[in-house]
Amino acid sequence: EYKQSGFLISILFSALLFAFGQFSLVAFPAFLFVG
């Protein structure tokens, strides 16, 4: 979905939404990295 916005934006925002979906502040950096 985000691909039309370019590589960096599609990767970053899909990763942010993934990390948000884990609902853990402590685990947020790790899940952002995984995303």
PDB file of all heavy atoms in Angstrom:
ATOM      1  N   GLU A   1       0.816  -1.205   0.000  1.00  0.00           N
ATOM      2  CA  GLU A   1       0.000   0.000   0.000  1.00  0.00           C
ATOM      3  C   GLU A   1       0.860   1.270   0.000  1.00  0.00           C
ATOM      4  O   GLU A   1       0.567   2.228  -0.698  1.00  0.00           O
ATOM      5  CB  GLU A   1      -0.921  -0.001   1.220  1.00  0.00           C
ATOM      6  CG  GLU A   1      -2.071  -0.966   1.118  1.00  0.00           C
ATOM      7  CD  GLU A   1      -3.029  -0.596   0.010  1.00  0.00           C
ATOM      8  OE1 GLU A   1      -3.920   0.228   0.220  1.00  0.00           O
ATOM      9  OE2 GLU A   1      -2.858  -1.133  -1.110  1.00  0.00           O
ATOM     10  N   TYR A   2       1.921   1.263   0.804  1.00  0.00           N
ATOM     11  CA  TYR A   2       2.776   2.450   0.908  1.00  0.00           C
ATOM     12  C   TYR A   2       3.801   2.554  -0.215  1.00  0.00           C
ATOM     13  O   TYR A   2       4.540   3.530  -0.285  1.00  0.00           O
ATOM     14  CB  TYR A   2       3.521   2.445   2.245  1.00  0.00           C
ATOM     15  CG  TYR A   2       2.721   2.973   3.410  1.00  0.00           C
ATOM     16  CD1 TYR A   2       2.211   2.112   4.378  1.00  0.00           C
ATOM     17  CD2 TYR A   2       2.494   4.333   3.568  1.00  0.00           C
ATOM     18  CE1 TYR A   2       1.483   2.590   5.467  1.00  0.00           C
ATOM     19  CE2 TYR A   2       1.774   4.819   4.644  1.00  0.00           C
ATOM     20  CZ  TYR A   2       1.270   3.948   5.589  1.00  0.00           C
ATOM     21  OH  TYR A   2       0.555   4.432   6.663  1.00  0.00           O
ATOM     22  N   LYS A   3       3.865   1.547  -1.089  1.00  0.00           N
ATOM     23  CA  LYS A   3       4.916   1.503  -2.093  1.00  0.00           C
ATOM     24  C   LYS A   3       4.905   2.720  -3.013  1.00  0.00           C
ATOM     25  O   LYS A   3       5.956   3.178  -3.482  1.00  0.00           O
ATOM     26  CB  LYS A   3       4.788   0.229  -2.927  1.00  0.00           C
ATOM     27  CG  LYS A   3       5.977  -0.028  -3.840  1.00  0.00           C
ATOM     28  CD  LYS A   3       5.863  -1.358  -4.566  1.00  0.00           C
ATOM     29  CE  LYS A   3       6.097  -2.519  -3.634  1.00  0.00           C
ATOM     30  NZ  LYS A   3       6.135  -3.815  -4.359  1.00  0.00           N
ATOM     31  N   GLN A   4       3.719   3.275  -3.254  1.00  0.00           N
ATOM     32  CA  GLN A   4       3.638   4.461  -4.113  1.00  0.00           C
ATOM     33  C   GLN A   4       4.344   5.659  -3.498  1.00  0.00           C
ATOM     34  O   GLN A   4       4.676   6.613  -4.196  1.00  0.00           O
ATOM     35  CB  GLN A   4       2.175   4.804  -4.388  1.00  0.00           C
ATOM     36  CG  GLN A   4       1.457   3.778  -5.254  1.00  0.00           C
ATOM     37  CD  GLN A   4       0.064   4.234  -5.649  1.00  0.00           C
ATOM     38  OE1 GLN A   4      -0.265   5.407  -5.539  1.00  0.00           O
ATOM     39  NE2 GLN A   4      -0.746   3.315  -6.129  1.00  0.00           N
ATOM     40  N   SER A   5       4.586   5.611  -2.194  1.00  0.00           N
ATOM     41  CA  SER A   5       5.288   6.709  -1.528  1.00  0.00           C
ATOM     42  C   SER A   5       6.798   6.519  -1.540  1.00  0.00           C
ATOM     43  O   SER A   5       7.530   7.387  -1.066  1.00  0.00           O
ATOM     44  CB  SER A   5       4.802   6.824  -0.072  1.00  0.00           C
ATOM     45  OG  SER A   5       3.430   7.144  -0.027  1.00  0.00           O
ATOM     46  N   GLY A   6       7.284   5.390  -2.056  1.00  0.00           N
ATOM     47  CA  GLY A   6       8.707   5.153  -2.146  1.00  0.00           C
ATOM     48  C   GLY A   6       9.214   4.134  -1.148  1.00  0.00           C
ATOM     49  O   GLY A   6       8.519   3.755  -0.198  1.00  0.00           O
ATOM     50  N   PHE A   7      10.433   3.696  -1.366  1.00  0.00           N
ATOM     51  CA  PHE A   7      11.045   2.629  -0.567  1.00  0.00           C
ATOM     52  C   PHE A   7      11.113   2.976   0.915  1.00  0.00           C
ATOM     53  O   PHE A   7      10.629   2.228   1.771  1.00  0.00           O
ATOM     54  CB  PHE A   7      12.450   2.333  -1.113  1.00  0.00           C
ATOM     55  CG  PHE A   7      13.259   1.417  -0.233  1.00  0.00           C
ATOM     56  CD1 PHE A   7      13.058   0.047  -0.278  1.00  0.00           C
ATOM     57  CD2 PHE A   7      14.207   1.926   0.632  1.00  0.00           C
ATOM     58  CE1 PHE A   7      13.800  -0.798   0.533  1.00  0.00           C
ATOM     59  CE2 PHE A   7      14.958   1.089   1.441  1.00  0.00           C
ATOM     60  CZ  PHE A   7      14.754  -0.275   1.389  1.00  0.00           C
ATOM     61  N   LEU A   8      11.723   4.104   1.253  1.00  0.00           N
ATOM     62  CA  LEU A   8      11.950   4.457   2.655  1.00  0.00           C
ATOM     63  C   LEU A   8      10.638   4.604   3.426  1.00  0.00           C
ATOM     64  O   LEU A   8      10.501   4.123   4.552  1.00  0.00           O
ATOM     65  CB  LEU A   8      12.767   5.745   2.751  1.00  0.00           C
ATOM     66  CG  LEU A   8      14.227   5.648   2.308  1.00  0.00           C
ATOM     67  CD1 LEU A   8      14.890   7.020   2.369  1.00  0.00           C
ATOM     68  CD2 LEU A   8      14.998   4.649   3.170  1.00  0.00           C
ATOM     69  N   ILE A   9       9.679   5.278   2.822  1.00  0.00           N
ATOM     70  CA  ILE A   9       8.409   5.517   3.505  1.00  0.00           C
ATOM     71  C   ILE A   9       7.629   4.212   3.679  1.00  0.00           C
ATOM     72  O   ILE A   9       7.048   3.967   4.744  1.00  0.00           O
ATOM     73  CB  ILE A   9       7.579   6.566   2.740  1.00  0.00           C
ATOM     74  CG1 ILE A   9       8.269   7.931   2.834  1.00  0.00           C
ATOM     75  CG2 ILE A   9       6.154   6.646   3.277  1.00  0.00           C
ATOM     76  CD1 ILE A   9       7.607   9.015   2.029  1.00  0.00           C
ATOM     77  N   SER A  10       7.622   3.367   2.668  1.00  0.00           N
ATOM     78  CA  SER A  10       6.882   2.103   2.772  1.00  0.00           C
ATOM     79  C   SER A  10       7.484   1.208   3.851  1.00  0.00           C
ATOM     80  O   SER A  10       6.756   0.571   4.623  1.00  0.00           O
ATOM     81  CB  SER A  10       6.875   1.371   1.426  1.00  0.00           C
ATOM     82  OG  SER A  10       8.182   0.990   1.050  1.00  0.00           O
ATOM     83  N   ILE A  11       8.816   1.187   3.954  1.00  0.00           N
ATOM     84  CA  ILE A  11       9.469   0.368   4.972  1.00  0.00           C
ATOM     85  C   ILE A  11       9.236   0.950   6.360  1.00  0.00           C
ATOM     86  O   ILE A  11       8.864   0.241   7.311  1.00  0.00           O
ATOM     87  CB  ILE A  11      10.979   0.258   4.699  1.00  0.00           C
ATOM     88  CG1 ILE A  11      11.250  -0.400   3.343  1.00  0.00           C
ATOM     89  CG2 ILE A  11      11.666  -0.526   5.816  1.00  0.00           C
ATOM     90  CD1 ILE A  11      10.681  -1.775   3.193  1.00  0.00           C
ATOM     91  N   LEU A  12       9.445   2.264   6.510  1.00  0.00           N
ATOM     92  CA  LEU A  12       9.359   2.901   7.821  1.00  0.00           C
ATOM     93  C   LEU A  12       7.953   2.837   8.397  1.00  0.00           C
ATOM     94  O   LEU A  12       7.753   2.457   9.562  1.00  0.00           O
ATOM     95  CB  LEU A  12       9.820   4.352   7.732  1.00  0.00           C
ATOM     96  CG  LEU A  12       9.705   5.174   9.025  1.00  0.00           C
ATOM     97  CD1 LEU A  12      10.533   4.553  10.137  1.00  0.00           C
ATOM     98  CD2 LEU A  12      10.106   6.624   8.781  1.00  0.00           C
ATOM     99  N   PHE A  13       6.943   3.193   7.602  1.00  0.00           N
ATOM    100  CA  PHE A  13       5.592   3.281   8.139  1.00  0.00           C
ATOM    101  C   PHE A  13       4.955   1.911   8.349  1.00  0.00           C
ATOM    102  O   PHE A  13       4.176   1.726   9.288  1.00  0.00           O
ATOM    103  CB  PHE A  13       4.728   4.180   7.253  1.00  0.00           C
ATOM    104  CG  PHE A  13       4.975   5.634   7.495  1.00  0.00           C
ATOM    105  CD1 PHE A  13       5.997   6.296   6.838  1.00  0.00           C
ATOM    106  CD2 PHE A  13       4.227   6.343   8.416  1.00  0.00           C
ATOM    107  CE1 PHE A  13       6.265   7.632   7.081  1.00  0.00           C
ATOM    108  CE2 PHE A  13       4.479   7.679   8.672  1.00  0.00           C
ATOM    109  CZ  PHE A  13       5.503   8.332   8.002  1.00  0.00           C
ATOM    110  N   SER A  14       5.291   0.951   7.519  1.00  0.00           N
ATOM    111  CA  SER A  14       4.809  -0.412   7.784  1.00  0.00           C
ATOM    112  C   SER A  14       5.446  -0.947   9.063  1.00  0.00           C
ATOM    113  O   SER A  14       4.786  -1.639   9.856  1.00  0.00           O
ATOM    114  CB  SER A  14       5.122  -1.337   6.601  1.00  0.00           C
ATOM    115  OG  SER A  14       6.522  -1.439   6.381  1.00  0.00           O
ATOM    116  N   ALA A  15       6.727  -0.595   9.303  1.00  0.00           N
ATOM    117  CA  ALA A  15       7.408  -1.030  10.527  1.00  0.00           C
ATOM    118  C   ALA A  15       6.828  -0.340  11.754  1.00  0.00           C
ATOM    119  O   ALA A  15       6.669  -0.964  12.815  1.00  0.00           O
ATOM    120  CB  ALA A  15       8.905  -0.753  10.420  1.00  0.00           C
ATOM    121  N   LEU A  16       6.509   0.940  11.646  1.00  0.00           N
ATOM    122  CA  LEU A  16       5.911   1.661  12.767  1.00  0.00           C
ATOM    123  C   LEU A  16       4.548   1.079  13.137  1.00  0.00           C
ATOM    124  O   LEU A  16       4.251   0.857  14.317  1.00  0.00           O
ATOM    125  CB  LEU A  16       5.767   3.144  12.423  1.00  0.00           C
ATOM    126  CG  LEU A  16       7.041   3.991  12.501  1.00  0.00           C
ATOM    127  CD1 LEU A  16       6.805   5.369  11.898  1.00  0.00           C
ATOM    128  CD2 LEU A  16       7.506   4.124  13.955  1.00  0.00           C
ATOM    129  N   LEU A  17       3.724   0.813  12.138  1.00  0.00           N
ATOM    130  CA  LEU A  17       2.406   0.238  12.408  1.00  0.00           C
ATOM    131  C   LEU A  17       2.532  -1.162  12.999  1.00  0.00           C
ATOM    132  O   LEU A  17       1.730  -1.559  13.848  1.00  0.00           O
ATOM    133  CB  LEU A  17       1.574   0.212  11.123  1.00  0.00           C
ATOM    134  CG  LEU A  17       1.138   1.585  10.596  1.00  0.00           C
ATOM    135  CD1 LEU A  17       0.492   1.458   9.223  1.00  0.00           C
ATOM    136  CD2 LEU A  17       0.175   2.261  11.567  1.00  0.00           C
ATOM    137  N   PHE A  18       3.539  -1.907  12.580  1.00  0.00           N
ATOM    138  CA  PHE A  18       3.806  -3.230  13.141  1.00  0.00           C
ATOM    139  C   PHE A  18       4.211  -3.111  14.609  1.00  0.00           C
ATOM    140  O   PHE A  18       3.702  -3.847  15.475  1.00  0.00           O
ATOM    141  CB  PHE A  18       4.906  -3.913  12.335  1.00  0.00           C
ATOM    142  CG  PHE A  18       5.441  -5.176  12.955  1.00  0.00           C
ATOM    143  CD1 PHE A  18       4.638  -6.297  13.092  1.00  0.00           C
ATOM    144  CD2 PHE A  18       6.758  -5.240  13.391  1.00  0.00           C
ATOM    145  CE1 PHE A  18       5.133  -7.465  13.667  1.00  0.00           C
ATOM    146  CE2 PHE A  18       7.262  -6.399  13.957  1.00  0.00           C
ATOM    147  CZ  PHE A  18       6.450  -7.512  14.092  1.00  0.00           C
ATOM    148  N   ALA A  19       5.121  -2.189  14.915  1.00  0.00           N
ATOM    149  CA  ALA A  19       5.583  -2.012  16.297  1.00  0.00           C
ATOM    150  C   ALA A  19       4.461  -1.492  17.192  1.00  0.00           C
ATOM    151  O   ALA A  19       4.335  -1.910  18.341  1.00  0.00           O
ATOM    152  CB  ALA A  19       6.778  -1.059  16.326  1.00  0.00           C
ATOM    153  N   PHE A  20       3.639  -0.578  16.666  1.00  0.00           N
ATOM    154  CA  PHE A  20       2.487  -0.097  17.440  1.00  0.00           C
ATOM    155  C   PHE A  20       1.573  -1.257  17.816  1.00  0.00           C
ATOM    156  O   PHE A  20       1.023  -1.305  18.926  1.00  0.00           O
ATOM    157  CB  PHE A  20       1.675   0.919  16.629  1.00  0.00           C
ATOM    158  CG  PHE A  20       2.341   2.260  16.451  1.00  0.00           C
ATOM    159  CD1 PHE A  20       1.972   3.084  15.401  1.00  0.00           C
ATOM    160  CD2 PHE A  20       3.323   2.690  17.315  1.00  0.00           C
ATOM    161  CE1 PHE A  20       2.568   4.330  15.229  1.00  0.00           C
ATOM    162  CE2 PHE A  20       3.929   3.935  17.156  1.00  0.00           C
ATOM    163  CZ  PHE A  20       3.550   4.755  16.106  1.00  0.00           C
ATOM    164  N   GLY A  21       1.406  -2.202  16.896  1.00  0.00           N
ATOM    165  CA  GLY A  21       0.466  -3.297  17.088  1.00  0.00           C
ATOM    166  C   GLY A  21       0.875  -4.296  18.146  1.00  0.00           C
ATOM    167  O   GLY A  21       0.064  -5.156  18.529  1.00  0.00           O
ATOM    168  N   GLN A  22       2.122  -4.212  18.661  1.00  0.00           N
ATOM    169  CA  GLN A  22       2.553  -5.126  19.718  1.00  0.00           C
ATOM    170  C   GLN A  22       2.200  -4.591  21.102  1.00  0.00           C
ATOM    171  O   GLN A  22       2.289  -5.321  22.091  1.00  0.00           O
ATOM    172  CB  GLN A  22       4.069  -5.368  19.617  1.00  0.00           C
ATOM    173  CG  GLN A  22       4.527  -5.784  18.243  1.00  0.00           C
ATOM    174  CD  GLN A  22       3.819  -7.002  17.693  1.00  0.00           C
ATOM    175  OE1 GLN A  22       3.547  -7.955  18.423  1.00  0.00           O
ATOM    176  NE2 GLN A  22       3.503  -6.987  16.397  1.00  0.00           N
ATOM    177  N   PHE A  23       1.859  -3.299  21.208  1.00  0.00           N
ATOM    178  CA  PHE A  23       1.427  -2.658  22.452  1.00  0.00           C
ATOM    179  C   PHE A  23       2.408  -2.923  23.611  1.00  0.00           C
ATOM    180  O   PHE A  23       2.016  -3.382  24.674  1.00  0.00           O
ATOM    181  CB  PHE A  23       0.017  -3.122  22.835  1.00  0.00           C
ATOM    182  CG  PHE A  23      -1.033  -2.620  21.889  1.00  0.00           C
ATOM    183  CD1 PHE A  23      -1.632  -3.480  20.983  1.00  0.00           C
ATOM    184  CD2 PHE A  23      -1.406  -1.290  21.885  1.00  0.00           C
ATOM    185  CE1 PHE A  23      -2.597  -3.020  20.087  1.00  0.00           C
ATOM    186  CE2 PHE A  23      -2.372  -0.820  21.003  1.00  0.00           C
ATOM    187  CZ  PHE A  23      -2.961  -1.679  20.106  1.00  0.00           C
ATOM    188  N   SER A  24       3.673  -2.601  23.374  1.00  0.00           N
ATOM    189  CA  SER A  24       4.698  -2.749  24.417  1.00  0.00           C
ATOM    190  C   SER A  24       5.744  -1.659  24.231  1.00  0.00           C
ATOM    191  O   SER A  24       6.455  -1.649  23.217  1.00  0.00           O
ATOM    192  CB  SER A  24       5.352  -4.129  24.345  1.00  0.00           C
ATOM    193  OG  SER A  24       6.443  -4.205  25.238  1.00  0.00           O
ATOM    194  N   LEU A  25       5.843  -0.750  25.205  1.00  0.00           N
ATOM    195  CA  LEU A  25       6.839   0.317  25.128  1.00  0.00           C
ATOM    196  C   LEU A  25       8.257  -0.232  25.193  1.00  0.00           C
ATOM    197  O   LEU A  25       9.142   0.208  24.450  1.00  0.00           O
ATOM    198  CB  LEU A  25       6.618   1.323  26.263  1.00  0.00           C
ATOM    199  CG  LEU A  25       5.518   2.373  26.061  1.00  0.00           C
ATOM    200  CD1 LEU A  25       5.327   3.178  27.343  1.00  0.00           C
ATOM    201  CD2 LEU A  25       5.842   3.294  24.894  1.00  0.00           C
ATOM    202  N   VAL A  26       8.472  -1.205  26.084  1.00  0.00           N
ATOM    203  CA  VAL A  26       9.815  -1.764  26.241  1.00  0.00           C
ATOM    204  C   VAL A  26      10.254  -2.503  24.986  1.00  0.00           C
ATOM    205  O   VAL A  26      11.414  -2.424  24.570  1.00  0.00           O
ATOM    206  CB  VAL A  26       9.861  -2.710  27.464  1.00  0.00           C
ATOM    207  CG1 VAL A  26      11.215  -3.387  27.568  1.00  0.00           C
ATOM    208  CG2 VAL A  26       9.552  -1.937  28.740  1.00  0.00           C
ATOM    209  N   ALA A  27       9.323  -3.224  24.370  1.00  0.00           N
ATOM    210  CA  ALA A  27       9.656  -4.015  23.183  1.00  0.00           C
ATOM    211  C   ALA A  27       9.579  -3.206  21.887  1.00  0.00           C
ATOM    212  O   ALA A  27       9.941  -3.715  20.828  1.00  0.00           O
ATOM    213  CB  ALA A  27       8.722  -5.222  23.082  1.00  0.00           C
ATOM    214  N   PHE A  28       9.128  -1.946  21.966  1.00  0.00           N
ATOM    215  CA  PHE A  28       8.929  -1.151  20.756  1.00  0.00           C
ATOM    216  C   PHE A  28      10.188  -1.045  19.897  1.00  0.00           C
ATOM    217  O   PHE A  28      10.123  -1.250  18.672  1.00  0.00           O
ATOM    218  CB  PHE A  28       8.415   0.247  21.119  1.00  0.00           C
ATOM    219  CG  PHE A  28       8.161   1.131  19.927  1.00  0.00           C
ATOM    220  CD1 PHE A  28       6.972   1.049  19.228  1.00  0.00           C
ATOM    221  CD2 PHE A  28       9.134   2.035  19.479  1.00  0.00           C
ATOM    222  CE1 PHE A  28       6.733   1.847  18.117  1.00  0.00           C
ATOM    223  CE2 PHE A  28       8.906   2.825  18.380  1.00  0.00           C
ATOM    224  CZ  PHE A  28       7.703   2.741  17.695  1.00  0.00           C
ATOM    225  N   PRO A  29      11.372  -0.703  20.463  1.00  0.00           N
ATOM    226  CA  PRO A  29      12.569  -0.590  19.601  1.00  0.00           C
ATOM    227  C   PRO A  29      12.891  -1.891  18.872  1.00  0.00           C
ATOM    228  O   PRO A  29      13.270  -1.868  17.696  1.00  0.00           O
ATOM    229  CB  PRO A  29      13.680  -0.214  20.596  1.00  0.00           C
ATOM    230  CG  PRO A  29      12.977   0.385  21.756  1.00  0.00           C
ATOM    231  CD  PRO A  29      11.677  -0.359  21.865  1.00  0.00           C
ATOM    232  N   ALA A  30      12.736  -3.023  19.576  1.00  0.00           N
ATOM    233  CA  ALA A  30      13.043  -4.307  18.950  1.00  0.00           C
ATOM    234  C   ALA A  30      12.072  -4.622  17.822  1.00  0.00           C
ATOM    235  O   ALA A  30      12.476  -5.051  16.732  1.00  0.00           O
ATOM    236  CB  ALA A  30      13.012  -5.416  20.006  1.00  0.00           C
ATOM    237  N   PHE A  31      10.780  -4.400  18.063  1.00  0.00           N
ATOM    238  CA  PHE A  31       9.795  -4.693  17.020  1.00  0.00           C
ATOM    239  C   PHE A  31       9.898  -3.713  15.852  1.00  0.00           C
ATOM    240  O   PHE A  31       9.616  -4.074  14.706  1.00  0.00           O
ATOM    241  CB  PHE A  31       8.386  -4.692  17.603  1.00  0.00           C
ATOM    242  CG  PHE A  31       8.044  -5.954  18.324  1.00  0.00           C
ATOM    243  CD1 PHE A  31       7.853  -5.968  19.700  1.00  0.00           C
ATOM    244  CD2 PHE A  31       7.920  -7.148  17.632  1.00  0.00           C
ATOM    245  CE1 PHE A  31       7.542  -7.140  20.369  1.00  0.00           C
ATOM    246  CE2 PHE A  31       7.610  -8.330  18.285  1.00  0.00           C
ATOM    247  CZ  PHE A  31       7.428  -8.326  19.657  1.00  0.00           C
ATOM    248  N   LEU A  32      10.281  -2.475  16.129  1.00  0.00           N
ATOM    249  CA  LEU A  32      10.511  -1.532  15.039  1.00  0.00           C
ATOM    250  C   LEU A  32      11.660  -2.017  14.164  1.00  0.00           C
ATOM    251  O   LEU A  32      11.580  -1.982  12.933  1.00  0.00           O
ATOM    252  CB  LEU A  32      10.821  -0.145  15.601  1.00  0.00           C
ATOM    253  CG  LEU A  32      11.082   0.961  14.564  1.00  0.00           C
ATOM    254  CD1 LEU A  32       9.858   1.186  13.674  1.00  0.00           C
ATOM    255  CD2 LEU A  32      11.490   2.256  15.250  1.00  0.00           C
ATOM    256  N   PHE A  33      12.734  -2.495  14.802  1.00  0.00           N
ATOM    257  CA  PHE A  33      13.875  -3.050  14.068  1.00  0.00           C
ATOM    258  C   PHE A  33      13.451  -4.264  13.249  1.00  0.00           C
ATOM    259  O   PHE A  33      13.800  -4.386  12.070  1.00  0.00           O
ATOM    260  CB  PHE A  33      14.988  -3.422  15.052  1.00  0.00           C
ATOM    261  CG  PHE A  33      16.128  -4.174  14.436  1.00  0.00           C
ATOM    262  CD1 PHE A  33      17.047  -3.525  13.626  1.00  0.00           C
ATOM    263  CD2 PHE A  33      16.284  -5.535  14.669  1.00  0.00           C
ATOM    264  CE1 PHE A  33      18.102  -4.219  13.049  1.00  0.00           C
ATOM    265  CE2 PHE A  33      17.331  -6.232  14.103  1.00  0.00           C
ATOM    266  CZ  PHE A  33      18.248  -5.580  13.285  1.00  0.00           C
ATOM    267  N   VAL A  34      12.688  -5.161  13.870  1.00  0.00           N
ATOM    268  CA  VAL A  34      12.196  -6.345  13.151  1.00  0.00           C
ATOM    269  C   VAL A  34      11.348  -5.930  11.955  1.00  0.00           C
ATOM    270  O   VAL A  34      11.489  -6.471  10.852  1.00  0.00           O
ATOM    271  CB  VAL A  34      11.375  -7.250  14.092  1.00  0.00           C
ATOM    272  CG1 VAL A  34      10.676  -8.365  13.305  1.00  0.00           C
ATOM    273  CG2 VAL A  34      12.266  -7.863  15.165  1.00  0.00           C
ATOM    274  N   GLY A  35      10.473  -4.948  12.160  1.00  0.00           N
ATOM    275  CA  GLY A  35       9.617  -4.486  11.067  1.00  0.00           C
ATOM    276  C   GLY A  35      10.406  -3.896   9.913  1.00  0.00           C
ATOM    277  O   GLY A  35      10.077  -4.134   8.741  1.00  0.00           O
TER     278      GLY A  35
END
